[in-house]
Amino acid sequence: MRIAPRLPGAAPHVHRTHETSEKHMTATSLTAARVRTGGPKDDGPKIVEHAMGWLLVVVFAMLVTQLGLL
């Protein structure tokens, strides 16, 4: 650790040149520490999701056809 030169009227500022590995968290530990916040669940009805996906494809195909892009 070294102390930066102090300017008149400024508070001293400490620069850390080397941190110990104990203070660093890995990506795995950060991911494990997160809490679920109510996002999409994996146990929902798959048939509704599947049907809505195909409906989107059909509507997009109709739009492309109406605009003459294909």
PDB file of N, CA and C in Angstrom:
ATOM      1  N   MET A   1       0.839  -1.168   0.000  1.00  0.00           N
ATOM      2  CA  MET A   1       0.000   0.000   0.000  1.00  0.00           C
ATOM      3  C   MET A   1       0.890   1.238   0.000  1.00  0.00           C
ATOM      4  N   ARG A   2       0.463   2.229  -0.777  1.00  0.00           N
ATOM      5  CA  ARG A   2       1.207   3.481  -0.769  1.00  0.00           C
ATOM      6  C   ARG A   2       0.215   4.626  -0.630  1.00  0.00           C
ATOM      7  N   ILE A   3       0.692   5.703  -0.085  1.00  0.00           N
ATOM      8  CA  ILE A   3      -0.161   6.874   0.104  1.00  0.00           C
ATOM      9  C   ILE A   3       0.211   7.903  -0.949  1.00  0.00           C
ATOM     10  N   ALA A   4      -0.822   8.385  -1.644  1.00  0.00           N
ATOM     11  CA  ALA A   4      -0.606   9.374  -2.696  1.00  0.00           C
ATOM     12  C   ALA A   4      -0.217  10.703  -2.061  1.00  0.00           C
ATOM     13  N   PRO A   5       0.529  11.525  -2.793  1.00  0.00           N
ATOM     14  CA  PRO A   5       0.880  12.842  -2.252  1.00  0.00           C
ATOM     15  C   PRO A   5      -0.375  13.655  -1.980  1.00  0.00           C
ATOM     16  N   ARG A   6      -0.355  14.361  -0.893  1.00  0.00           N
ATOM     17  CA  ARG A   6      -1.540  15.101  -0.479  1.00  0.00           C
ATOM     18  C   ARG A   6      -1.500  16.512  -1.035  1.00  0.00           C
ATOM     19  N   LEU A   7      -2.624  16.889  -1.673  1.00  0.00           N
ATOM     20  CA  LEU A   7      -2.776  18.251  -2.169  1.00  0.00           C
ATOM     21  C   LEU A   7      -3.336  19.107  -1.040  1.00  0.00           C
ATOM     22  N   PRO A   8      -3.054  20.396  -1.058  1.00  0.00           N
ATOM     23  CA  PRO A   8      -3.602  21.268  -0.010  1.00  0.00           C
ATOM     24  C   PRO A   8      -5.126  21.223   0.001  1.00  0.00           C
ATOM     25  N   GLY A   9      -5.702  20.957   1.150  1.00  0.00           N
ATOM     26  CA  GLY A   9      -7.152  20.939   1.287  1.00  0.00           C
ATOM     27  C   GLY A   9      -7.801  19.623   0.907  1.00  0.00           C
ATOM     28  N   ALA A  10      -7.030  18.638   0.425  1.00  0.00           N
ATOM     29  CA  ALA A  10      -7.597  17.353   0.012  1.00  0.00           C
ATOM     30  C   ALA A  10      -7.345  16.298   1.082  1.00  0.00           C
ATOM     31  N   ALA A  11      -8.263  15.371   1.199  1.00  0.00           N
ATOM     32  CA  ALA A  11      -8.102  14.281   2.159  1.00  0.00           C
ATOM     33  C   ALA A  11      -7.101  13.270   1.600  1.00  0.00           C
ATOM     34  N   PRO A  12      -6.346  12.597   2.450  1.00  0.00           N
ATOM     35  CA  PRO A  12      -5.396  11.608   1.950  1.00  0.00           C
ATOM     36  C   PRO A  12      -6.127  10.452   1.271  1.00  0.00           C
ATOM     37  N   HIS A  13      -5.550   9.940   0.206  1.00  0.00           N
ATOM     38  CA  HIS A  13      -6.157   8.848  -0.556  1.00  0.00           C
ATOM     39  C   HIS A  13      -5.180   7.690  -0.590  1.00  0.00           C
ATOM     40  N   VAL A  14      -5.652   6.517  -0.240  1.00  0.00           N
ATOM     41  CA  VAL A  14      -4.792   5.340  -0.193  1.00  0.00           C
ATOM     42  C   VAL A  14      -4.991   4.528  -1.464  1.00  0.00           C
ATOM     43  N   HIS A  15      -3.904   4.191  -2.155  1.00  0.00           N
ATOM     44  CA  HIS A  15      -3.945   3.334  -3.344  1.00  0.00           C
ATOM     45  C   HIS A  15      -3.571   1.927  -2.926  1.00  0.00           C
ATOM     46  N   ARG A  16      -4.374   0.973  -3.315  1.00  0.00           N
ATOM     47  CA  ARG A  16      -4.043  -0.422  -3.033  1.00  0.00           C
ATOM     48  C   ARG A  16      -3.383  -0.998  -4.271  1.00  0.00           C
ATOM     49  N   THR A  17      -2.157  -1.433  -4.103  1.00  0.00           N
ATOM     50  CA  THR A  17      -1.427  -1.961  -5.253  1.00  0.00           C
ATOM     51  C   THR A  17      -1.613  -3.451  -5.416  1.00  0.00           C
ATOM     52  N   HIS A  18      -1.983  -4.155  -4.346  1.00  0.00           N
ATOM     53  CA  HIS A  18      -2.135  -5.597  -4.449  1.00  0.00           C
ATOM     54  C   HIS A  18      -3.203  -6.063  -3.465  1.00  0.00           C
ATOM     55  N   GLU A  19      -4.199  -6.759  -3.972  1.00  0.00           N
ATOM     56  CA  GLU A  19      -5.246  -7.312  -3.128  1.00  0.00           C
ATOM     57  C   GLU A  19      -4.967  -8.788  -2.911  1.00  0.00           C
ATOM     58  N   THR A  20      -5.342  -9.293  -1.779  1.00  0.00           N
ATOM     59  CA  THR A  20      -5.172 -10.723  -1.544  1.00  0.00           C
ATOM     60  C   THR A  20      -6.269 -11.491  -2.252  1.00  0.00           C
ATOM     61  N   SER A  21      -6.015 -12.736  -2.570  1.00  0.00           N
ATOM     62  CA  SER A  21      -6.991 -13.540  -3.303  1.00  0.00           C
ATOM     63  C   SER A  21      -8.214 -13.865  -2.450  1.00  0.00           C
ATOM     64  N   GLU A  22      -8.131 -13.691  -1.143  1.00  0.00           N
ATOM     65  CA  GLU A  22      -9.267 -13.966  -0.273  1.00  0.00           C
ATOM     66  C   GLU A  22     -10.428 -13.012  -0.541  1.00  0.00           C
ATOM     67  N   LYS A  23     -10.136 -11.815  -0.998  1.00  0.00           N
ATOM     68  CA  LYS A  23     -11.174 -10.810  -1.194  1.00  0.00           C
ATOM     69  C   LYS A  23     -11.855 -10.932  -2.549  1.00  0.00           C
ATOM     70  N   HIS A  24     -11.286 -11.691  -3.460  1.00  0.00           N
ATOM     71  CA  HIS A  24     -11.860 -11.824  -4.798  1.00  0.00           C
ATOM     72  C   HIS A  24     -12.837 -12.988  -4.839  1.00  0.00           C
ATOM     73  N   MET A  25     -13.949 -12.759  -5.531  1.00  0.00           N
ATOM     74  CA  MET A  25     -14.923 -13.828  -5.695  1.00  0.00           C
ATOM     75  C   MET A  25     -14.845 -14.328  -7.128  1.00  0.00           C
ATOM     76  N   THR A  26     -15.003 -15.615  -7.314  1.00  0.00           N
ATOM     77  CA  THR A  26     -14.987 -16.174  -8.663  1.00  0.00           C
ATOM     78  C   THR A  26     -16.357 -16.020  -9.287  1.00  0.00           C
ATOM     79  N   ALA A  27     -16.440 -16.235 -10.606  1.00  0.00           N
ATOM     80  CA  ALA A  27     -17.723 -16.134 -11.296  1.00  0.00           C
ATOM     81  C   ALA A  27     -18.705 -17.175 -10.772  1.00  0.00           C
ATOM     82  N   THR A  28     -18.211 -18.339 -10.431  1.00  0.00           N
ATOM     83  CA  THR A  28     -19.083 -19.395  -9.906  1.00  0.00           C
ATOM     84  C   THR A  28     -19.680 -18.994  -8.570  1.00  0.00           C
ATOM     85  N   SER A  29     -18.875 -18.438  -7.690  1.00  0.00           N
ATOM     86  CA  SER A  29     -19.405 -18.059  -6.386  1.00  0.00           C
ATOM     87  C   SER A  29     -20.355 -16.874  -6.490  1.00  0.00           C
ATOM     88  N   LEU A  30     -20.119 -15.978  -7.448  1.00  0.00           N
ATOM     89  CA  LEU A  30     -21.049 -14.861  -7.644  1.00  0.00           C
ATOM     90  C   LEU A  30     -22.390 -15.365  -8.161  1.00  0.00           C
ATOM     91  N   THR A  31     -22.355 -16.324  -9.091  1.00  0.00           N
ATOM     92  CA  THR A  31     -23.591 -16.876  -9.633  1.00  0.00           C
ATOM     93  C   THR A  31     -24.347 -17.633  -8.553  1.00  0.00           C
ATOM     94  N   ALA A  32     -23.635 -18.384  -7.737  1.00  0.00           N
ATOM     95  CA  ALA A  32     -24.280 -19.157  -6.684  1.00  0.00           C
ATOM     96  C   ALA A  32     -24.880 -18.249  -5.618  1.00  0.00           C
ATOM     97  N   ALA A  33     -24.331 -17.073  -5.426  1.00  0.00           N
ATOM     98  CA  ALA A  33     -24.810 -16.165  -4.387  1.00  0.00           C
ATOM     99  C   ALA A  33     -26.067 -15.414  -4.811  1.00  0.00           C
ATOM    100  N   ARG A  34     -26.384 -15.414  -6.089  1.00  0.00           N
ATOM    101  CA  ARG A  34     -27.559 -14.681  -6.559  1.00  0.00           C
ATOM    102  C   ARG A  34     -28.845 -15.366  -6.116  1.00  0.00           C
ATOM    103  N   VAL A  35     -29.865 -14.554  -5.927  1.00  0.00           N
ATOM    104  CA  VAL A  35     -31.169 -15.059  -5.524  1.00  0.00           C
ATOM    105  C   VAL A  35     -32.109 -14.917  -6.712  1.00  0.00           C
ATOM    106  N   ARG A  36     -32.978 -15.902  -6.908  1.00  0.00           N
ATOM    107  CA  ARG A  36     -33.964 -15.802  -7.990  1.00  0.00           C
ATOM    108  C   ARG A  36     -34.887 -14.624  -7.731  1.00  0.00           C
ATOM    109  N   THR A  37     -35.163 -13.859  -8.773  1.00  0.00           N
ATOM    110  CA  THR A  37     -35.959 -12.650  -8.602  1.00  0.00           C
ATOM    111  C   THR A  37     -37.323 -12.736  -9.264  1.00  0.00           C
ATOM    112  N   GLY A  38     -37.792 -13.940  -9.548  1.00  0.00           N
ATOM    113  CA  GLY A  38     -39.133 -14.089 -10.108  1.00  0.00           C
ATOM    114  C   GLY A  38     -39.164 -14.069 -11.615  1.00  0.00           C
ATOM    115  N   GLY A  39     -38.095 -14.458 -12.260  1.00  0.00           N
ATOM    116  CA  GLY A  39     -38.063 -14.524 -13.716  1.00  0.00           C
ATOM    117  C   GLY A  39     -38.870 -15.701 -14.226  1.00  0.00           C
ATOM    118  N   PRO A  40     -38.766 -15.982 -15.527  1.00  0.00           N
ATOM    119  CA  PRO A  40     -39.540 -17.082 -16.104  1.00  0.00           C
ATOM    120  C   PRO A  40     -39.164 -18.421 -15.468  1.00  0.00           C
ATOM    121  N   LYS A  41     -40.157 -19.228 -15.248  1.00  0.00           N
ATOM    122  CA  LYS A  41     -39.945 -20.543 -14.653  1.00  0.00           C
ATOM    123  C   LYS A  41     -39.844 -21.587 -15.768  1.00  0.00           C
ATOM    124  N   ASP A  42     -39.215 -22.696 -15.481  1.00  0.00           N
ATOM    125  CA  ASP A  42     -39.074 -23.763 -16.468  1.00  0.00           C
ATOM    126  C   ASP A  42     -40.184 -24.790 -16.390  1.00  0.00           C
ATOM    127  N   ASP A  43     -41.108 -24.639 -15.455  1.00  0.00           N
ATOM    128  CA  ASP A  43     -42.135 -25.659 -15.258  1.00  0.00           C
ATOM    129  C   ASP A  43     -43.507 -25.248 -15.798  1.00  0.00           C
ATOM    130  N   GLY A  44     -43.552 -24.248 -16.683  1.00  0.00           N
ATOM    131  CA  GLY A  44     -44.817 -23.772 -17.230  1.00  0.00           C
ATOM    132  C   GLY A  44     -45.346 -24.689 -18.319  1.00  0.00           C
ATOM    133  N   PRO A  45     -46.556 -24.393 -18.834  1.00  0.00           N
ATOM    134  CA  PRO A  45     -47.145 -25.211 -19.896  1.00  0.00           C
ATOM    135  C   PRO A  45     -46.395 -25.006 -21.223  1.00  0.00           C
ATOM    136  N   LYS A  46     -45.746 -26.060 -21.691  1.00  0.00           N
ATOM    137  CA  LYS A  46     -44.940 -25.969 -22.913  1.00  0.00           C
ATOM    138  C   LYS A  46     -45.809 -25.834 -24.158  1.00  0.00           C
ATOM    139  N   ILE A  47     -47.022 -26.377 -24.143  1.00  0.00           N
ATOM    140  CA  ILE A  47     -47.869 -26.346 -25.332  1.00  0.00           C
ATOM    141  C   ILE A  47     -48.283 -24.913 -25.675  1.00  0.00           C
ATOM    142  N   VAL A  48     -48.532 -24.094 -24.663  1.00  0.00           N
ATOM    143  CA  VAL A  48     -48.913 -22.694 -24.903  1.00  0.00           C
ATOM    144  C   VAL A  48     -47.736 -21.933 -25.503  1.00  0.00           C
ATOM    145  N   GLU A  49     -46.562 -22.155 -24.970  1.00  0.00           N
ATOM    146  CA  GLU A  49     -45.362 -21.504 -25.496  1.00  0.00           C
ATOM    147  C   GLU A  49     -45.106 -21.923 -26.943  1.00  0.00           C
ATOM    148  N   HIS A  50     -45.284 -23.185 -27.214  1.00  0.00           N
ATOM    149  CA  HIS A  50     -45.080 -23.714 -28.562  1.00  0.00           C
ATOM    150  C   HIS A  50     -46.096 -23.113 -29.548  1.00  0.00           C
ATOM    151  N   ALA A  51     -47.357 -23.062 -29.138  1.00  0.00           N
ATOM    152  CA  ALA A  51     -48.407 -22.518 -30.000  1.00  0.00           C
ATOM    153  C   ALA A  51     -48.187 -21.025 -30.265  1.00  0.00           C
ATOM    154  N   MET A  52     -47.785 -20.276 -29.248  1.00  0.00           N
ATOM    155  CA  MET A  52     -47.541 -18.846 -29.436  1.00  0.00           C
ATOM    156  C   MET A  52     -46.346 -18.607 -30.358  1.00  0.00           C
ATOM    157  N   GLY A  53     -45.351 -19.464 -30.283  1.00  0.00           N
ATOM    158  CA  GLY A  53     -44.204 -19.347 -31.187  1.00  0.00           C
ATOM    159  C   GLY A  53     -44.605 -19.545 -32.631  1.00  0.00           C
ATOM    160  N   TRP A  54     -45.427 -20.573 -32.888  1.00  0.00           N
ATOM    161  CA  TRP A  54     -45.871 -20.808 -34.259  1.00  0.00           C
ATOM    162  C   TRP A  54     -46.812 -19.709 -34.734  1.00  0.00           C
ATOM    163  N   LEU A  55     -47.619 -19.173 -33.839  1.00  0.00           N
ATOM    164  CA  LEU A  55     -48.501 -18.064 -34.206  1.00  0.00           C
ATOM    165  C   LEU A  55     -47.675 -16.849 -34.636  1.00  0.00           C
ATOM    166  N   LEU A  56     -46.595 -16.592 -33.930  1.00  0.00           N
ATOM    167  CA  LEU A  56     -45.704 -15.498 -34.299  1.00  0.00           C
ATOM    168  C   LEU A  56     -45.094 -15.725 -35.683  1.00  0.00           C
ATOM    169  N   VAL A  57     -44.697 -16.954 -35.974  1.00  0.00           N
ATOM    170  CA  VAL A  57     -44.128 -17.286 -37.286  1.00  0.00           C
ATOM    171  C   VAL A  57     -45.155 -17.047 -38.389  1.00  0.00           C
ATOM    172  N   VAL A  58     -46.394 -17.473 -38.169  1.00  0.00           N
ATOM    173  CA  VAL A  58     -47.441 -17.304 -39.178  1.00  0.00           C
ATOM    174  C   VAL A  58     -47.750 -15.828 -39.395  1.00  0.00           C
ATOM    175  N   VAL A  59     -47.876 -15.056 -38.337  1.00  0.00           N
ATOM    176  CA  VAL A  59     -48.161 -13.621 -38.468  1.00  0.00           C
ATOM    177  C   VAL A  59     -47.019 -12.917 -39.193  1.00  0.00           C
ATOM    178  N   PHE A  60     -45.779 -13.269 -38.888  1.00  0.00           N
ATOM    179  CA  PHE A  60     -44.638 -12.674 -39.574  1.00  0.00           C
ATOM    180  C   PHE A  60     -44.651 -13.041 -41.062  1.00  0.00           C
ATOM    181  N   ALA A  61     -44.986 -14.290 -41.392  1.00  0.00           N
ATOM    182  CA  ALA A  61     -45.062 -14.719 -42.795  1.00  0.00           C
ATOM    183  C   ALA A  61     -46.154 -13.953 -43.534  1.00  0.00           C
ATOM    184  N   MET A  62     -47.292 -13.730 -42.874  1.00  0.00           N
ATOM    185  CA  MET A  62     -48.372 -12.961 -43.500  1.00  0.00           C
ATOM    186  C   MET A  62     -47.936 -11.514 -43.745  1.00  0.00           C
ATOM    187  N   LEU A  63     -47.232 -10.921 -42.815  1.00  0.00           N
ATOM    188  CA  LEU A  63     -46.748  -9.554 -42.967  1.00  0.00           C
ATOM    189  C   LEU A  63     -45.775  -9.448 -44.137  1.00  0.00           C
ATOM    190  N   VAL A  64     -44.837 -10.378 -44.207  1.00  0.00           N
ATOM    191  CA  VAL A  64     -43.852 -10.369 -45.294  1.00  0.00           C
ATOM    192  C   VAL A  64     -44.555 -10.528 -46.635  1.00  0.00           C
ATOM    193  N   THR A  65     -45.550 -11.417 -46.713  1.00  0.00           N
ATOM    194  CA  THR A  65     -46.283 -11.632 -47.952  1.00  0.00           C
ATOM    195  C   THR A  65     -47.079 -10.390 -48.348  1.00  0.00           C
ATOM    196  N   GLN A  66     -47.761  -9.759 -47.392  1.00  0.00           N
ATOM    197  CA  GLN A  66     -48.557  -8.564 -47.681  1.00  0.00           C
ATOM    198  C   GLN A  66     -47.697  -7.396 -48.153  1.00  0.00           C
ATOM    199  N   LEU A  67     -46.488  -7.290 -47.601  1.00  0.00           N
ATOM    200  CA  LEU A  67     -45.608  -6.191 -48.005  1.00  0.00           C
ATOM    201  C   LEU A  67     -44.870  -6.496 -49.301  1.00  0.00           C
ATOM    202  N   GLY A  68     -45.000  -7.715 -49.799  1.00  0.00           N
ATOM    203  CA  GLY A  68     -44.345  -8.093 -51.041  1.00  0.00           C
ATOM    204  C   GLY A  68     -42.846  -8.239 -50.918  1.00  0.00           C
ATOM    205  N   LEU A  69     -42.360  -8.584 -49.752  1.00  0.00           N
ATOM    206  CA  LEU A  69     -40.923  -8.714 -49.547  1.00  0.00           C
ATOM    207  C   LEU A  69     -40.402 -10.069 -49.957  1.00  0.00           C
ATOM    208  N   LEU A  70     -41.301 -10.996 -50.283  1.00  0.00           N
ATOM    209  CA  LEU A  70     -40.873 -12.332 -50.676  1.00  0.00           C
ATOM    210  C   LEU A  70     -41.627 -12.787 -51.885  1.00  0.00           C
TER     211      LEU A  70
END
